[in-house]
PDB file of N, CA and C in Angstrom:
ATOM      1  N   MET A   1     125.239 -21.206  45.079  1.00  0.00           N
ATOM      2  CA  MET A   1     125.615 -19.999  45.789  1.00  0.00           C
ATOM      3  C   MET A   1     125.963 -20.347  47.233  1.00  0.00           C
ATOM      4  N   THR A   2     127.073 -19.844  47.705  1.00  0.00           N
ATOM      5  CA  THR A   2     127.516 -20.109  49.060  1.00  0.00           C
ATOM      6  C   THR A   2     126.916 -19.076  50.003  1.00  0.00           C
ATOM      7  N   VAL A   3     126.369 -19.546  51.091  1.00  0.00           N
ATOM      8  CA  VAL A   3     125.780 -18.662  52.089  1.00  0.00           C
ATOM      9  C   VAL A   3     126.668 -18.688  53.317  1.00  0.00           C
ATOM     10  N   GLY A   4     126.839 -17.535  53.936  1.00  0.00           N
ATOM     11  CA  GLY A   4     127.634 -17.480  55.151  1.00  0.00           C
ATOM     12  C   GLY A   4     129.053 -17.042  54.878  1.00  0.00           C
ATOM     13  N   ARG A   5     129.908 -17.455  55.725  1.00  0.00           N
ATOM     14  CA  ARG A   5     131.307 -17.048  55.679  1.00  0.00           C
ATOM     15  C   ARG A   5     132.047 -17.753  54.558  1.00  0.00           C
ATOM     16  N   LYS A   6     132.969 -17.021  53.922  1.00  0.00           N
ATOM     17  CA  LYS A   6     133.774 -17.621  52.859  1.00  0.00           C
ATOM     18  C   LYS A   6     134.747 -18.629  53.456  1.00  0.00           C
ATOM     19  N   PRO A   7     135.238 -19.573  52.661  1.00  0.00           N
ATOM     20  CA  PRO A   7     136.179 -20.576  53.167  1.00  0.00           C
ATOM     21  C   PRO A   7     137.416 -19.922  53.785  1.00  0.00           C
ATOM     22  N   ALA A   8     137.963 -20.573  54.804  1.00  0.00           N
ATOM     23  CA  ALA A   8     139.098 -20.016  55.550  1.00  0.00           C
ATOM     24  C   ALA A   8     140.293 -19.743  54.661  1.00  0.00           C
ATOM     25  N   HIS A   9     140.537 -20.576  53.646  1.00  0.00           N
ATOM     26  CA  HIS A   9     141.702 -20.345  52.797  1.00  0.00           C
ATOM     27  C   HIS A   9     141.556 -19.031  52.040  1.00  0.00           C
ATOM     28  N   GLN A  10     140.335 -18.604  51.745  1.00  0.00           N
ATOM     29  CA  GLN A  10     140.149 -17.309  51.084  1.00  0.00           C
ATOM     30  C   GLN A  10     140.486 -16.170  52.036  1.00  0.00           C
ATOM     31  N   ASP A  11     140.200 -16.349  53.324  1.00  0.00           N
ATOM     32  CA  ASP A  11     140.610 -15.348  54.305  1.00  0.00           C
ATOM     33  C   ASP A  11     142.125 -15.216  54.323  1.00  0.00           C
ATOM     34  N   ALA A  12     142.835 -16.341  54.199  1.00  0.00           N
ATOM     35  CA  ALA A  12     144.290 -16.314  54.204  1.00  0.00           C
ATOM     36  C   ALA A  12     144.823 -15.618  52.959  1.00  0.00           C
ATOM     37  N   VAL A  13     144.186 -15.832  51.825  1.00  0.00           N
ATOM     38  CA  VAL A  13     144.597 -15.152  50.588  1.00  0.00           C
ATOM     39  C   VAL A  13     144.376 -13.653  50.741  1.00  0.00           C
ATOM     40  N   TRP A  14     143.239 -13.257  51.272  1.00  0.00           N
ATOM     41  CA  TRP A  14     142.947 -11.846  51.477  1.00  0.00           C
ATOM     42  C   TRP A  14     143.953 -11.219  52.442  1.00  0.00           C
ATOM     43  N   ALA A  15     144.271 -11.920  53.524  1.00  0.00           N
ATOM     44  CA  ALA A  15     145.204 -11.393  54.517  1.00  0.00           C
ATOM     45  C   ALA A  15     146.588 -11.199  53.910  1.00  0.00           C
ATOM     46  N   TRP A  16     147.048 -12.167  53.123  1.00  0.00           N
ATOM     47  CA  TRP A  16     148.363 -12.037  52.503  1.00  0.00           C
ATOM     48  C   TRP A  16     148.381 -10.842  51.565  1.00  0.00           C
ATOM     49  N   ASN A  17     147.333 -10.661  50.795  1.00  0.00           N
ATOM     50  CA  ASN A  17     147.271  -9.516  49.891  1.00  0.00           C
ATOM     51  C   ASN A  17     147.244  -8.203  50.657  1.00  0.00           C
ATOM     52  N   ARG A  18     146.640  -8.209  51.823  1.00  0.00           N
ATOM     53  CA  ARG A  18     146.579  -6.987  52.635  1.00  0.00           C
ATOM     54  C   ARG A  18     147.934  -6.645  53.244  1.00  0.00           C
ATOM     55  N   TYR A  19     148.627  -7.631  53.765  1.00  0.00           N
ATOM     56  CA  TYR A  19     149.880  -7.390  54.469  1.00  0.00           C
ATOM     57  C   TYR A  19     151.122  -7.473  53.597  1.00  0.00           C
ATOM     58  N   ARG A  20     150.981  -8.019  52.393  1.00  0.00           N
ATOM     59  CA  ARG A  20     152.147  -8.227  51.528  1.00  0.00           C
ATOM     60  C   ARG A  20     152.874  -6.900  51.314  1.00  0.00           C
ATOM     61  N   PRO A  21     154.180  -6.909  51.479  1.00  0.00           N
ATOM     62  CA  PRO A  21     154.935  -5.662  51.295  1.00  0.00           C
ATOM     63  C   PRO A  21     154.970  -5.273  49.823  1.00  0.00           C
ATOM     64  N   LYS A  22     155.055  -3.976  49.575  1.00  0.00           N
ATOM     65  CA  LYS A  22     155.165  -3.506  48.192  1.00  0.00           C
ATOM     66  C   LYS A  22     156.476  -3.965  47.580  1.00  0.00           C
ATOM     67  N   GLU A  23     157.486  -4.033  48.381  1.00  0.00           N
ATOM     68  CA  GLU A  23     158.793  -4.496  47.908  1.00  0.00           C
ATOM     69  C   GLU A  23     158.970  -5.960  48.300  1.00  0.00           C
ATOM     70  N   ILE A  24     158.413  -6.834  47.500  1.00  0.00           N
ATOM     71  CA  ILE A  24     158.509  -8.266  47.777  1.00  0.00           C
ATOM     72  C   ILE A  24     159.971  -8.710  47.768  1.00  0.00           C
ATOM     73  N   GLY A  25     160.800  -7.997  47.015  1.00  0.00           N
ATOM     74  CA  GLY A  25     162.226  -8.332  46.973  1.00  0.00           C
ATOM     75  C   GLY A  25     162.877  -8.250  48.344  1.00  0.00           C
ATOM     76  N   ASP A  26     162.455  -7.287  49.168  1.00  0.00           N
ATOM     77  CA  ASP A  26     163.014  -7.177  50.520  1.00  0.00           C
ATOM     78  C   ASP A  26     162.676  -8.414  51.347  1.00  0.00           C
ATOM     79  N   LEU A  27     161.430  -8.855  51.243  1.00  0.00           N
ATOM     80  CA  LEU A  27     161.027 -10.059  51.967  1.00  0.00           C
ATOM     81  C   LEU A  27     161.753 -11.283  51.432  1.00  0.00           C
ATOM     82  N   ALA A  28     161.880 -11.385  50.120  1.00  0.00           N
ATOM     83  CA  ALA A  28     162.574 -12.532  49.520  1.00  0.00           C
ATOM     84  C   ALA A  28     164.026 -12.583  49.994  1.00  0.00           C
ATOM     85  N   ARG A  29     164.691 -11.439  50.013  1.00  0.00           N
ATOM     86  CA  ARG A  29     166.085 -11.406  50.498  1.00  0.00           C
ATOM     87  C   ARG A  29     166.150 -11.804  51.961  1.00  0.00           C
ATOM     88  N   HIS A  30     165.210 -11.319  52.753  1.00  0.00           N
ATOM     89  CA  HIS A  30     165.182 -11.660  54.172  1.00  0.00           C
ATOM     90  C   HIS A  30     165.023 -13.167  54.374  1.00  0.00           C
ATOM     91  N   LEU A  31     164.213 -13.784  53.522  1.00  0.00           N
ATOM     92  CA  LEU A  31     163.973 -15.222  53.633  1.00  0.00           C
ATOM     93  C   LEU A  31     165.030 -16.057  52.927  1.00  0.00           C
ATOM     94  N   GLY A  32     165.832 -15.414  52.085  1.00  0.00           N
ATOM     95  CA  GLY A  32     166.852 -16.147  51.341  1.00  0.00           C
ATOM     96  C   GLY A  32     166.285 -16.952  50.193  1.00  0.00           C
ATOM     97  N   ILE A  33     165.176 -16.464  49.612  1.00  0.00           N
ATOM     98  CA  ILE A  33     164.572 -17.141  48.470  1.00  0.00           C
ATOM     99  C   ILE A  33     164.387 -16.133  47.339  1.00  0.00           C
ATOM    100  N   SER A  34     163.966 -16.603  46.197  1.00  0.00           N
ATOM    101  CA  SER A  34     163.846 -15.727  45.035  1.00  0.00           C
ATOM    102  C   SER A  34     162.549 -14.908  45.086  1.00  0.00           C
ATOM    103  N   VAL A  35     162.565 -13.777  44.402  1.00  0.00           N
ATOM    104  CA  VAL A  35     161.380 -12.934  44.294  1.00  0.00           C
ATOM    105  C   VAL A  35     160.240 -13.687  43.609  1.00  0.00           C
ATOM    106  N   PRO A  36     160.499 -14.413  42.500  1.00  0.00           N
ATOM    107  CA  PRO A  36     159.399 -15.165  41.891  1.00  0.00           C
ATOM    108  C   PRO A  36     158.760 -16.184  42.841  1.00  0.00           C
ATOM    109  N   ALA A  37     159.560 -16.756  43.728  1.00  0.00           N
ATOM    110  CA  ALA A  37     159.005 -17.720  44.683  1.00  0.00           C
ATOM    111  C   ALA A  37     157.990 -17.041  45.596  1.00  0.00           C
ATOM    112  N   VAL A  38     158.328 -15.856  46.101  1.00  0.00           N
ATOM    113  CA  VAL A  38     157.398 -15.123  46.969  1.00  0.00           C
ATOM    114  C   VAL A  38     156.198 -14.638  46.163  1.00  0.00           C
ATOM    115  N   SER A  39     156.433 -14.200  44.950  1.00  0.00           N
ATOM    116  CA  SER A  39     155.352 -13.681  44.109  1.00  0.00           C
ATOM    117  C   SER A  39     154.291 -14.732  43.806  1.00  0.00           C
ATOM    118  N   LYS A  40     154.667 -15.993  43.824  1.00  0.00           N
ATOM    119  CA  LYS A  40     153.722 -17.076  43.533  1.00  0.00           C
ATOM    120  C   LYS A  40     152.822 -17.420  44.714  1.00  0.00           C
ATOM    121  N   TRP A  41     153.180 -16.935  45.905  1.00  0.00           N
ATOM    122  CA  TRP A  41     152.387 -17.275  47.080  1.00  0.00           C
ATOM    123  C   TRP A  41     150.984 -16.713  46.957  1.00  0.00           C
ATOM    124  N   LYS A  42     149.994 -17.540  47.166  1.00  0.00           N
ATOM    125  CA  LYS A  42     148.618 -17.063  47.307  1.00  0.00           C
ATOM    126  C   LYS A  42     148.357 -16.764  48.779  1.00  0.00           C
ATOM    127  N   GLN A  43     149.103 -17.441  49.630  1.00  0.00           N
ATOM    128  CA  GLN A  43     149.065 -17.207  51.073  1.00  0.00           C
ATOM    129  C   GLN A  43     150.435 -17.576  51.624  1.00  0.00           C
ATOM    130  N   VAL A  44     150.737 -17.127  52.804  1.00  0.00           N
ATOM    131  CA  VAL A  44     152.037 -17.425  53.403  1.00  0.00           C
ATOM    132  C   VAL A  44     152.093 -18.910  53.741  1.00  0.00           C
ATOM    133  N   PRO A  45     153.127 -19.618  53.269  1.00  0.00           N
ATOM    134  CA  PRO A  45     153.252 -21.033  53.622  1.00  0.00           C
ATOM    135  C   PRO A  45     153.392 -21.196  55.140  1.00  0.00           C
ATOM    136  N   ALA A  46     152.786 -22.217  55.669  1.00  0.00           N
ATOM    137  CA  ALA A  46     152.788 -22.441  57.114  1.00  0.00           C
ATOM    138  C   ALA A  46     154.205 -22.529  57.682  1.00  0.00           C
ATOM    139  N   ASP A  47     155.136 -23.112  56.933  1.00  0.00           N
ATOM    140  CA  ASP A  47     156.497 -23.257  57.452  1.00  0.00           C
ATOM    141  C   ASP A  47     157.264 -21.932  57.465  1.00  0.00           C
ATOM    142  N   ARG A  48     156.752 -20.912  56.821  1.00  0.00           N
ATOM    143  CA  ARG A  48     157.392 -19.594  56.810  1.00  0.00           C
ATOM    144  C   ARG A  48     156.611 -18.564  57.625  1.00  0.00           C
ATOM    145  N   LEU A  49     155.526 -18.982  58.222  1.00  0.00           N
ATOM    146  CA  LEU A  49     154.602 -18.063  58.874  1.00  0.00           C
ATOM    147  C   LEU A  49     155.251 -17.259  60.000  1.00  0.00           C
ATOM    148  N   ASP A  50     155.985 -17.902  60.885  1.00  0.00           N
ATOM    149  CA  ASP A  50     156.586 -17.183  62.013  1.00  0.00           C
ATOM    150  C   ASP A  50     157.570 -16.121  61.539  1.00  0.00           C
ATOM    151  N   THR A  51     158.410 -16.466  60.579  1.00  0.00           N
ATOM    152  CA  THR A  51     159.414 -15.533  60.082  1.00  0.00           C
ATOM    153  C   THR A  51     158.757 -14.366  59.353  1.00  0.00           C
ATOM    154  N   VAL A  52     157.796 -14.657  58.493  1.00  0.00           N
ATOM    155  CA  VAL A  52     157.133 -13.607  57.714  1.00  0.00           C
ATOM    156  C   VAL A  52     156.324 -12.695  58.619  1.00  0.00           C
ATOM    157  N   SER A  53     155.602 -13.260  59.564  1.00  0.00           N
ATOM    158  CA  SER A  53     154.790 -12.419  60.449  1.00  0.00           C
ATOM    159  C   SER A  53     155.674 -11.502  61.292  1.00  0.00           C
ATOM    160  N   ALA A  54     156.796 -11.998  61.774  1.00  0.00           N
ATOM    161  CA  ALA A  54     157.714 -11.150  62.537  1.00  0.00           C
ATOM    162  C   ALA A  54     158.289 -10.038  61.658  1.00  0.00           C
ATOM    163  N   TRP A  55     158.646 -10.360  60.429  1.00  0.00           N
ATOM    164  CA  TRP A  55     159.229  -9.369  59.516  1.00  0.00           C
ATOM    165  C   TRP A  55     158.221  -8.292  59.149  1.00  0.00           C
ATOM    166  N   LEU A  56     156.965  -8.690  58.954  1.00  0.00           N
ATOM    167  CA  LEU A  56     155.925  -7.734  58.584  1.00  0.00           C
ATOM    168  C   LEU A  56     155.347  -6.993  59.783  1.00  0.00           C
ATOM    169  N   GLY A  57     155.576  -7.520  60.979  1.00  0.00           N
ATOM    170  CA  GLY A  57     154.985  -6.912  62.164  1.00  0.00           C
ATOM    171  C   GLY A  57     153.507  -7.241  62.299  1.00  0.00           C
ATOM    172  N   ALA A  58     153.109  -8.368  61.740  1.00  0.00           N
ATOM    173  CA  ALA A  58     151.722  -8.829  61.818  1.00  0.00           C
ATOM    174  C   ALA A  58     151.681 -10.102  62.646  1.00  0.00           C
ATOM    175  N   THR A  59     150.552 -10.371  63.233  1.00  0.00           N
ATOM    176  CA  THR A  59     150.423 -11.605  63.997  1.00  0.00           C
ATOM    177  C   THR A  59     150.207 -12.776  63.036  1.00  0.00           C
ATOM    178  N   PRO A  60     150.666 -13.956  63.414  1.00  0.00           N
ATOM    179  CA  PRO A  60     150.468 -15.120  62.536  1.00  0.00           C
ATOM    180  C   PRO A  60     149.000 -15.371  62.198  1.00  0.00           C
ATOM    181  N   ASP A  61     148.115 -15.152  63.167  1.00  0.00           N
ATOM    182  CA  ASP A  61     146.697 -15.398  62.888  1.00  0.00           C
ATOM    183  C   ASP A  61     146.110 -14.369  61.933  1.00  0.00           C
ATOM    184  N   ALA A  62     146.722 -13.199  61.824  1.00  0.00           N
ATOM    185  CA  ALA A  62     146.258 -12.209  60.846  1.00  0.00           C
ATOM    186  C   ALA A  62     146.630 -12.631  59.431  1.00  0.00           C
ATOM    187  N   LEU A  63     147.785 -13.285  59.292  1.00  0.00           N
ATOM    188  CA  LEU A  63     148.234 -13.726  57.972  1.00  0.00           C
ATOM    189  C   LEU A  63     147.620 -15.048  57.549  1.00  0.00           C
ATOM    190  N   ARG A  64     147.361 -15.916  58.488  1.00  0.00           N
ATOM    191  CA  ARG A  64     146.796 -17.240  58.167  1.00  0.00           C
ATOM    192  C   ARG A  64     145.632 -17.558  59.088  1.00  0.00           C
ATOM    193  N   PRO A  65     144.513 -16.858  58.936  1.00  0.00           N
ATOM    194  CA  PRO A  65     143.368 -17.142  59.801  1.00  0.00           C
ATOM    195  C   PRO A  65     142.833 -18.563  59.645  1.00  0.00           C
ATOM    196  N   ASP A  66     143.166 -19.202  58.533  1.00  0.00           N
ATOM    197  CA  ASP A  66     142.720 -20.581  58.343  1.00  0.00           C
ATOM    198  C   ASP A  66     143.426 -21.543  59.286  1.00  0.00           C
ATOM    199  N   LEU A  67     144.586 -21.171  59.788  1.00  0.00           N
ATOM    200  CA  LEU A  67     145.315 -22.021  60.728  1.00  0.00           C
ATOM    201  C   LEU A  67     144.938 -21.726  62.173  1.00  0.00           C
ATOM    202  N   TYR A  68     144.226 -20.629  62.396  1.00  0.00           N
ATOM    203  CA  TYR A  68     143.810 -20.213  63.730  1.00  0.00           C
ATOM    204  C   TYR A  68     142.303 -19.983  63.716  1.00  0.00           C
ATOM    205  N   PRO A  69     141.523 -21.052  63.607  1.00  0.00           N
ATOM    206  CA  PRO A  69     140.075 -20.864  63.504  1.00  0.00           C
ATOM    207  C   PRO A  69     139.510 -20.223  64.766  1.00  0.00           C
ATOM    208  N   THR A  70     138.514 -19.395  64.553  1.00  0.00           N
ATOM    209  CA  THR A  70     137.857 -18.748  65.681  1.00  0.00           C
ATOM    210  C   THR A  70     136.815 -19.661  66.262  1.00  0.00           C
ATOM    211  N   ASP A  71     136.523 -19.446  67.513  1.00  0.00           N
ATOM    212  CA  ASP A  71     135.494 -20.197  68.202  1.00  0.00           C
ATOM    213  C   ASP A  71     134.130 -19.722  67.684  1.00  0.00           C
ATOM    214  N   PRO A  72     133.338 -20.596  67.081  1.00  0.00           N
ATOM    215  CA  PRO A  72     132.052 -20.149  66.519  1.00  0.00           C
ATOM    216  C   PRO A  72     131.117 -19.566  67.572  1.00  0.00           C
ATOM    217  N   TRP A  73     131.302 -19.954  68.818  1.00  0.00           N
ATOM    218  CA  TRP A  73     130.435 -19.444  69.878  1.00  0.00           C
ATOM    219  C   TRP A  73     130.819 -18.036  70.297  1.00  0.00           C
ATOM    220  N   SER A  74     132.023 -17.602  69.984  1.00  0.00           N
ATOM    221  CA  SER A  74     132.466 -16.269  70.405  1.00  0.00           C
ATOM    222  C   SER A  74     131.739 -15.168  69.644  1.00  0.00           C
ATOM    223  N   GLU A  75     131.159 -15.491  68.490  1.00  0.00           N
ATOM    224  CA  GLU A  75     130.463 -14.485  67.699  1.00  0.00           C
ATOM    225  C   GLU A  75     129.010 -14.312  68.134  1.00  0.00           C
ATOM    226  N   LEU A  76     128.539 -15.142  69.021  1.00  0.00           N
ATOM    227  CA  LEU A  76     127.128 -15.059  69.453  1.00  0.00           C
ATOM    228  C   LEU A  76     126.943 -14.022  70.531  1.00  0.00           C
TER     229      LEU A  76
END
Protein backbone atom coordinates (compact mmCIF):
# COMPACT_ATOMS: atom_id res chain seq x y z
CA MET A 1 0.00 0.00 0.00
CA THR A 2 1.34 3.40 -0.96
CA VAL A 3 1.26 6.09 1.70
CA GLY A 4 1.34 9.77 0.90
CA ARG A 5 1.05 11.49 -2.40
CA LYS A 6 0.39 9.54 -5.58
CA PRO A 7 3.17 9.43 -8.21
CA ALA A 8 3.52 12.61 -10.29
CA HIS A 9 2.66 10.84 -13.54
CA GLN A 10 -0.77 9.99 -12.09
CA ASP A 11 -1.30 13.69 -11.40
CA ALA A 12 -0.56 14.34 -15.07
CA VAL A 13 -3.06 11.68 -16.15
CA TRP A 14 -5.70 13.20 -13.88
CA ALA A 15 -4.97 16.71 -15.16
CA TRP A 16 -5.26 15.65 -18.80
CA ASN A 17 -8.58 13.96 -18.09
CA ARG A 18 -9.80 17.10 -16.35
CA TYR A 19 -8.79 19.55 -19.07
CA ARG A 20 -9.25 17.33 -22.13
CA PRO A 21 -11.77 18.91 -24.49
CA LYS A 22 -14.98 17.04 -25.22
CA GLU A 23 -14.28 17.51 -28.90
CA ILE A 24 -10.87 15.91 -29.19
CA GLY A 25 -11.22 16.29 -32.96
CA ASP A 26 -10.90 20.08 -32.61
CA LEU A 27 -7.63 19.69 -30.74
CA ALA A 28 -6.37 17.08 -33.22
CA ARG A 29 -7.11 19.41 -36.15
CA HIS A 30 -5.40 22.28 -34.35
CA LEU A 31 -2.31 20.12 -33.84
CA GLY A 32 -2.45 18.62 -37.33
CA ILE A 33 -2.61 15.05 -36.05
CA SER A 34 -5.24 12.33 -36.07
CA VAL A 35 -8.04 11.98 -33.51
CA PRO A 36 -6.88 8.45 -32.58
CA ALA A 37 -3.42 9.84 -31.82
CA VAL A 38 -4.86 12.33 -29.32
CA SER A 39 -7.26 9.74 -27.92
CA LYS A 40 -4.33 7.49 -27.00
CA TRP A 41 -2.71 10.14 -24.81
CA LYS A 42 -2.71 9.29 -21.13
CA GLN A 43 -1.10 12.68 -20.58
CA VAL A 44 -0.06 15.54 -22.83
CA PRO A 45 3.31 14.76 -24.44
CA ALA A 46 5.99 17.17 -23.28
CA ASP A 47 6.78 18.27 -26.84
CA ARG A 48 3.14 19.33 -27.35
CA LEU A 49 2.62 20.88 -23.92
CA ASP A 50 3.00 24.56 -24.86
CA THR A 51 0.65 24.32 -27.84
CA VAL A 52 -2.00 22.27 -26.01
CA SER A 53 -1.94 24.41 -22.89
CA ALA A 54 -2.36 27.59 -24.94
CA TRP A 55 -5.23 26.05 -26.94
CA LEU A 56 -7.01 24.85 -23.80
CA GLY A 57 -6.33 28.02 -21.84
CA ALA A 58 -4.62 26.03 -19.09
CA THR A 59 -1.17 26.53 -17.67
CA PRO A 60 1.48 23.96 -18.59
CA ASP A 61 1.97 23.04 -14.94
CA ALA A 62 -1.75 22.29 -14.61
CA LEU A 63 -1.55 19.79 -17.47
CA ARG A 64 1.79 18.23 -16.54
CA PRO A 65 2.44 18.68 -12.83
CA ASP A 66 5.04 15.94 -13.08
CA LEU A 67 7.24 18.28 -15.13
CA TYR A 68 6.80 21.14 -12.65
CA PRO A 69 7.41 19.58 -9.24
CA THR A 70 6.39 21.62 -6.25
CA ASP A 71 8.78 22.59 -3.53
CA PRO A 72 8.16 20.10 -0.68
CA TRP A 73 8.89 22.84 1.84
CA SER A 74 6.13 25.08 0.50
CA GLU A 75 3.47 22.76 1.95
CA LEU A 76 4.78 23.10 5.51
